[in-house]
Amino acid sequence: MSLFDSLRRRSQAATTQSTTQPAPTRNSAPAPEDEVLTIPEITPAELMAAQRNGAGPVIVDCRESYERKQARIPGSLHIPMNETPLRLGELDRSADIVVVCAHGSRSYAVTGYLVQHGFRALSLAGGMAAWQSRGGEIESDYRSQR
């Protein structure tokens, strides 16, 4: 099952549950199935600082190959979004993981998927666009490196 299918199924289940259950009262705690998954994020500045301190996390680039060839964070692991469910075995559950994409939307979804599967993952806020605009180190197959 692809990541999109997993997310779609979860979304449909949440919609079905929310329409068939009464609304919670003001002082009631949310039911476990109504809990909202919080997706943790890291800023480019925080990631750069972690890399400088030698505590750099595993960076997973969830973009497509053609995007990654244009610019990528050196040393990042390439696992396209749709391959994530099939390649979970390549990731260390005890490692800190930062997921990156172009602007932060896909990495946000992949991070949520990883968190749900027991990984310590963060999404890079703003993605590669924010990383590059803040002077983050990149490498490319097409241009000279910074």
C-alpha atoms as a PDB file:
ATOM      1  CA  MET A   1       0.000   0.000   0.000  1.00  0.00           C
ATOM      2  CA  SER A   2       1.402   3.416  -0.919  1.00  0.00           C
ATOM      3  CA  LEU A   3       1.780   6.334   1.441  1.00  0.00           C
ATOM      4  CA  PHE A   4      -0.997   8.146  -0.404  1.00  0.00           C
ATOM      5  CA  ASP A   5      -3.320   5.174   0.079  1.00  0.00           C
ATOM      6  CA  SER A   6      -2.471   5.001   3.783  1.00  0.00           C
ATOM      7  CA  LEU A   7      -3.143   8.706   4.258  1.00  0.00           C
ATOM      8  CA  ARG A   8      -6.350   8.587   2.206  1.00  0.00           C
ATOM      9  CA  ARG A   9      -7.653   5.599   4.178  1.00  0.00           C
ATOM     10  CA  ARG A  10      -6.863   7.315   7.492  1.00  0.00           C
ATOM     11  CA  SER A  11      -8.532  10.519   6.325  1.00  0.00           C
ATOM     12  CA  GLN A  12     -11.658   8.660   5.230  1.00  0.00           C
ATOM     13  CA  ALA A  13     -11.797   6.792   8.546  1.00  0.00           C
ATOM     14  CA  ALA A  14     -11.449  10.055  10.470  1.00  0.00           C
ATOM     15  CA  THR A  15     -14.230  11.654   8.421  1.00  0.00           C
ATOM     16  CA  THR A  16     -16.508   8.670   8.995  1.00  0.00           C
ATOM     17  CA  GLN A  17     -15.818   8.659  12.737  1.00  0.00           C
ATOM     18  CA  SER A  18     -16.319  12.383  13.126  1.00  0.00           C
ATOM     19  CA  THR A  19     -19.725  12.267  11.403  1.00  0.00           C
ATOM     20  CA  THR A  20     -21.037   9.296  13.395  1.00  0.00           C
ATOM     21  CA  GLN A  21     -19.919  10.299  16.902  1.00  0.00           C
ATOM     22  CA  PRO A  22     -21.447  13.052  19.020  1.00  0.00           C
ATOM     23  CA  ALA A  23     -19.412  16.201  19.461  1.00  0.00           C
ATOM     24  CA  PRO A  24     -17.366  16.254  22.688  1.00  0.00           C
ATOM     25  CA  THR A  25     -18.577  18.481  25.457  1.00  0.00           C
ATOM     26  CA  ARG A  26     -16.491  21.486  26.415  1.00  0.00           C
ATOM     27  CA  ASN A  27     -14.767  19.842  29.398  1.00  0.00           C
ATOM     28  CA  SER A  28     -14.391  16.330  28.001  1.00  0.00           C
ATOM     29  CA  ALA A  29     -11.043  14.927  26.933  1.00  0.00           C
ATOM     30  CA  PRO A  30     -10.722  13.852  23.315  1.00  0.00           C
ATOM     31  CA  ALA A  31     -11.265  10.182  22.642  1.00  0.00           C
ATOM     32  CA  PRO A  32      -8.046   8.350  21.642  1.00  0.00           C
ATOM     33  CA  GLU A  33      -9.204   8.009  18.034  1.00  0.00           C
ATOM     34  CA  ASP A  34      -9.824  11.780  17.909  1.00  0.00           C
ATOM     35  CA  GLU A  35      -6.284  12.695  18.952  1.00  0.00           C
ATOM     36  CA  VAL A  36      -4.491  14.923  16.505  1.00  0.00           C
ATOM     37  CA  LEU A  37      -1.040  13.849  15.356  1.00  0.00           C
ATOM     38  CA  THR A  38       1.423  16.685  15.838  1.00  0.00           C
ATOM     39  CA  ILE A  39       4.094  16.789  13.162  1.00  0.00           C
ATOM     40  CA  PRO A  40       7.369  18.103  14.573  1.00  0.00           C
ATOM     41  CA  GLU A  41       9.407  20.509  12.437  1.00  0.00           C
ATOM     42  CA  ILE A  42      12.943  21.839  12.471  1.00  0.00           C
ATOM     43  CA  THR A  43      14.065  25.125  10.930  1.00  0.00           C
ATOM     44  CA  PRO A  44      16.994  25.350   8.535  1.00  0.00           C
ATOM     45  CA  ALA A  45      18.952  27.314  11.163  1.00  0.00           C
ATOM     46  CA  GLU A  46      18.383  24.597  13.770  1.00  0.00           C
ATOM     47  CA  LEU A  47      19.472  21.874  11.342  1.00  0.00           C
ATOM     48  CA  MET A  48      22.583  23.827  10.352  1.00  0.00           C
ATOM     49  CA  ALA A  49      23.467  24.261  14.028  1.00  0.00           C
ATOM     50  CA  ALA A  50      23.002  20.530  14.685  1.00  0.00           C
ATOM     51  CA  GLN A  51      25.285  19.712  11.752  1.00  0.00           C
ATOM     52  CA  ARG A  52      27.961  22.150  12.974  1.00  0.00           C
ATOM     53  CA  ASN A  53      27.854  20.574  16.448  1.00  0.00           C
ATOM     54  CA  GLY A  54      28.428  17.117  15.005  1.00  0.00           C
ATOM     55  CA  ALA A  55      24.997  15.948  16.143  1.00  0.00           C
ATOM     56  CA  GLY A  56      23.565  15.982  12.677  1.00  0.00           C
ATOM     57  CA  PRO A  57      20.543  13.743  12.131  1.00  0.00           C
ATOM     58  CA  VAL A  58      19.959  11.373   9.239  1.00  0.00           C
ATOM     59  CA  ILE A  59      18.521  13.482   6.433  1.00  0.00           C
ATOM     60  CA  VAL A  60      15.948  11.781   4.201  1.00  0.00           C
ATOM     61  CA  ASP A  61      15.176  13.508   0.911  1.00  0.00           C
ATOM     62  CA  CYS A  62      11.663  12.467  -0.139  1.00  0.00           C
ATOM     63  CA  ARG A  63      11.648  14.277  -3.499  1.00  0.00           C
ATOM     64  CA  GLU A  64      11.740  12.687  -6.929  1.00  0.00           C
ATOM     65  CA  SER A  65      15.092  11.908  -8.555  1.00  0.00           C
ATOM     66  CA  TYR A  66      14.933  14.801 -11.032  1.00  0.00           C
ATOM     67  CA  GLU A  67      14.436  17.278  -8.157  1.00  0.00           C
ATOM     68  CA  ARG A  68      17.263  15.799  -6.119  1.00  0.00           C
ATOM     69  CA  LYS A  69      19.680  16.098  -9.054  1.00  0.00           C
ATOM     70  CA  GLN A  70      19.075  19.864  -9.110  1.00  0.00           C
ATOM     71  CA  ALA A  71      20.032  20.437  -5.461  1.00  0.00           C
ATOM     72  CA  ARG A  72      20.339  18.285  -2.360  1.00  0.00           C
ATOM     73  CA  ILE A  73      21.778  18.411   1.119  1.00  0.00           C
ATOM     74  CA  PRO A  74      25.134  16.592   1.081  1.00  0.00           C
ATOM     75  CA  GLY A  75      24.963  13.156   2.659  1.00  0.00           C
ATOM     76  CA  SER A  76      21.189  12.931   2.515  1.00  0.00           C
ATOM     77  CA  LEU A  77      19.505   9.586   1.897  1.00  0.00           C
ATOM     78  CA  HIS A  78      17.149   9.496  -1.083  1.00  0.00           C
ATOM     79  CA  ILE A  79      13.827   7.784  -0.376  1.00  0.00           C
ATOM     80  CA  PRO A  80      11.083   9.210  -2.626  1.00  0.00           C
ATOM     81  CA  MET A  81       7.760   9.769  -0.870  1.00  0.00           C
ATOM     82  CA  ASN A  82       5.955   6.891  -2.565  1.00  0.00           C
ATOM     83  CA  GLU A  83       8.742   4.446  -1.677  1.00  0.00           C
ATOM     84  CA  THR A  84       8.708   5.271   2.037  1.00  0.00           C
ATOM     85  CA  PRO A  85       6.448   2.376   3.164  1.00  0.00           C
ATOM     86  CA  LEU A  86       8.588  -0.137   1.260  1.00  0.00           C
ATOM     87  CA  ARG A  87      11.905   1.209   2.557  1.00  0.00           C
ATOM     88  CA  LEU A  88      11.271   1.666   6.283  1.00  0.00           C
ATOM     89  CA  GLY A  89      13.814  -1.092   6.933  1.00  0.00           C
ATOM     90  CA  GLU A  90      16.594   1.204   5.692  1.00  0.00           C
ATOM     91  CA  LEU A  91      15.980   3.616   8.570  1.00  0.00           C
ATOM     92  CA  ASP A  92      17.231   3.308  12.138  1.00  0.00           C
ATOM     93  CA  ARG A  93      14.384   3.732  14.637  1.00  0.00           C
ATOM     94  CA  SER A  94      16.831   5.018  17.253  1.00  0.00           C
ATOM     95  CA  ALA A  95      18.257   7.747  14.994  1.00  0.00           C
ATOM     96  CA  ASP A  96      17.007  11.307  14.703  1.00  0.00           C
ATOM     97  CA  ILE A  97      15.653  11.780  11.179  1.00  0.00           C
ATOM     98  CA  VAL A  98      14.950  15.005   9.293  1.00  0.00           C
ATOM     99  CA  VAL A  99      12.790  14.680   6.178  1.00  0.00           C
ATOM    100  CA  VAL A 100      13.199  17.246   3.403  1.00  0.00           C
ATOM    101  CA  CYS A 101      11.351  18.036   0.177  1.00  0.00           C
ATOM    102  CA  ALA A 102      11.073  21.118  -2.035  1.00  0.00           C
ATOM    103  CA  HIS A 103       8.864  23.356   0.134  1.00  0.00           C
ATOM    104  CA  GLY A 104       7.916  21.287   3.181  1.00  0.00           C
ATOM    105  CA  SER A 105       4.557  19.758   2.226  1.00  0.00           C
ATOM    106  CA  ARG A 106       5.660  16.273   1.223  1.00  0.00           C
ATOM    107  CA  SER A 107       8.211  16.105   4.034  1.00  0.00           C
ATOM    108  CA  TYR A 108       5.446  17.021   6.489  1.00  0.00           C
ATOM    109  CA  ALA A 109       3.360  14.059   5.278  1.00  0.00           C
ATOM    110  CA  VAL A 110       6.304  11.639   5.265  1.00  0.00           C
ATOM    111  CA  THR A 111       7.331  12.795   8.750  1.00  0.00           C
ATOM    112  CA  GLY A 112       3.810  12.063   9.992  1.00  0.00           C
ATOM    113  CA  TYR A 113       3.993   8.590   8.465  1.00  0.00           C
ATOM    114  CA  LEU A 114       7.381   7.920  10.097  1.00  0.00           C
ATOM    115  CA  VAL A 115       6.204   9.191  13.496  1.00  0.00           C
ATOM    116  CA  GLN A 116       3.161   6.900  13.289  1.00  0.00           C
ATOM    117  CA  HIS A 117       5.537   4.006  12.652  1.00  0.00           C
ATOM    118  CA  GLY A 118       7.733   4.696  15.669  1.00  0.00           C
ATOM    119  CA  PHE A 119      10.516   6.824  14.199  1.00  0.00           C
ATOM    120  CA  ARG A 120      11.913  10.022  15.716  1.00  0.00           C
ATOM    121  CA  ALA A 121      11.388  12.255  12.708  1.00  0.00           C
ATOM    122  CA  LEU A 122      11.160  15.985  12.008  1.00  0.00           C
ATOM    123  CA  SER A 123      10.127  17.833   8.858  1.00  0.00           C
ATOM    124  CA  LEU A 124      12.416  20.571   7.522  1.00  0.00           C
ATOM    125  CA  ALA A 125      10.204  23.666   7.636  1.00  0.00           C
ATOM    126  CA  GLY A 126      10.146  25.342   4.222  1.00  0.00           C
ATOM    127  CA  GLY A 127      12.050  22.482   2.586  1.00  0.00           C
ATOM    128  CA  MET A 128      14.962  22.948   0.208  1.00  0.00           C
ATOM    129  CA  ALA A 129      13.718  26.407  -0.748  1.00  0.00           C
ATOM    130  CA  ALA A 130      14.177  27.611   2.843  1.00  0.00           C
ATOM    131  CA  TRP A 131      17.425  25.641   3.242  1.00  0.00           C
ATOM    132  CA  GLN A 132      18.997  27.251   0.160  1.00  0.00           C
ATOM    133  CA  SER A 133      17.690  30.750   0.897  1.00  0.00           C
ATOM    134  CA  ARG A 134      19.345  30.606   4.326  1.00  0.00           C
ATOM    135  CA  GLY A 135      22.678  29.539   2.921  1.00  0.00           C
ATOM    136  CA  GLY A 136      22.499  25.818   3.622  1.00  0.00           C
ATOM    137  CA  GLU A 137      25.151  23.698   1.948  1.00  0.00           C
ATOM    138  CA  ILE A 138      23.998  21.960  -1.224  1.00  0.00           C
ATOM    139  CA  GLU A 139      25.356  19.771  -3.949  1.00  0.00           C
ATOM    140  CA  SER A 140      24.015  19.406  -7.458  1.00  0.00           C
ATOM    141  CA  ASP A 141      24.501  17.348 -10.578  1.00  0.00           C
ATOM    142  CA  TYR A 142      24.060  20.460 -12.715  1.00  0.00           C
ATOM    143  CA  ARG A 143      25.853  23.431 -11.177  1.00  0.00           C
ATOM    144  CA  SER A 144      28.934  24.315  -9.225  1.00  0.00           C
ATOM    145  CA  GLN A 145      28.677  23.719  -5.496  1.00  0.00           C
ATOM    146  CA  ARG A 146      28.525  26.345  -2.768  1.00  0.00           C
END
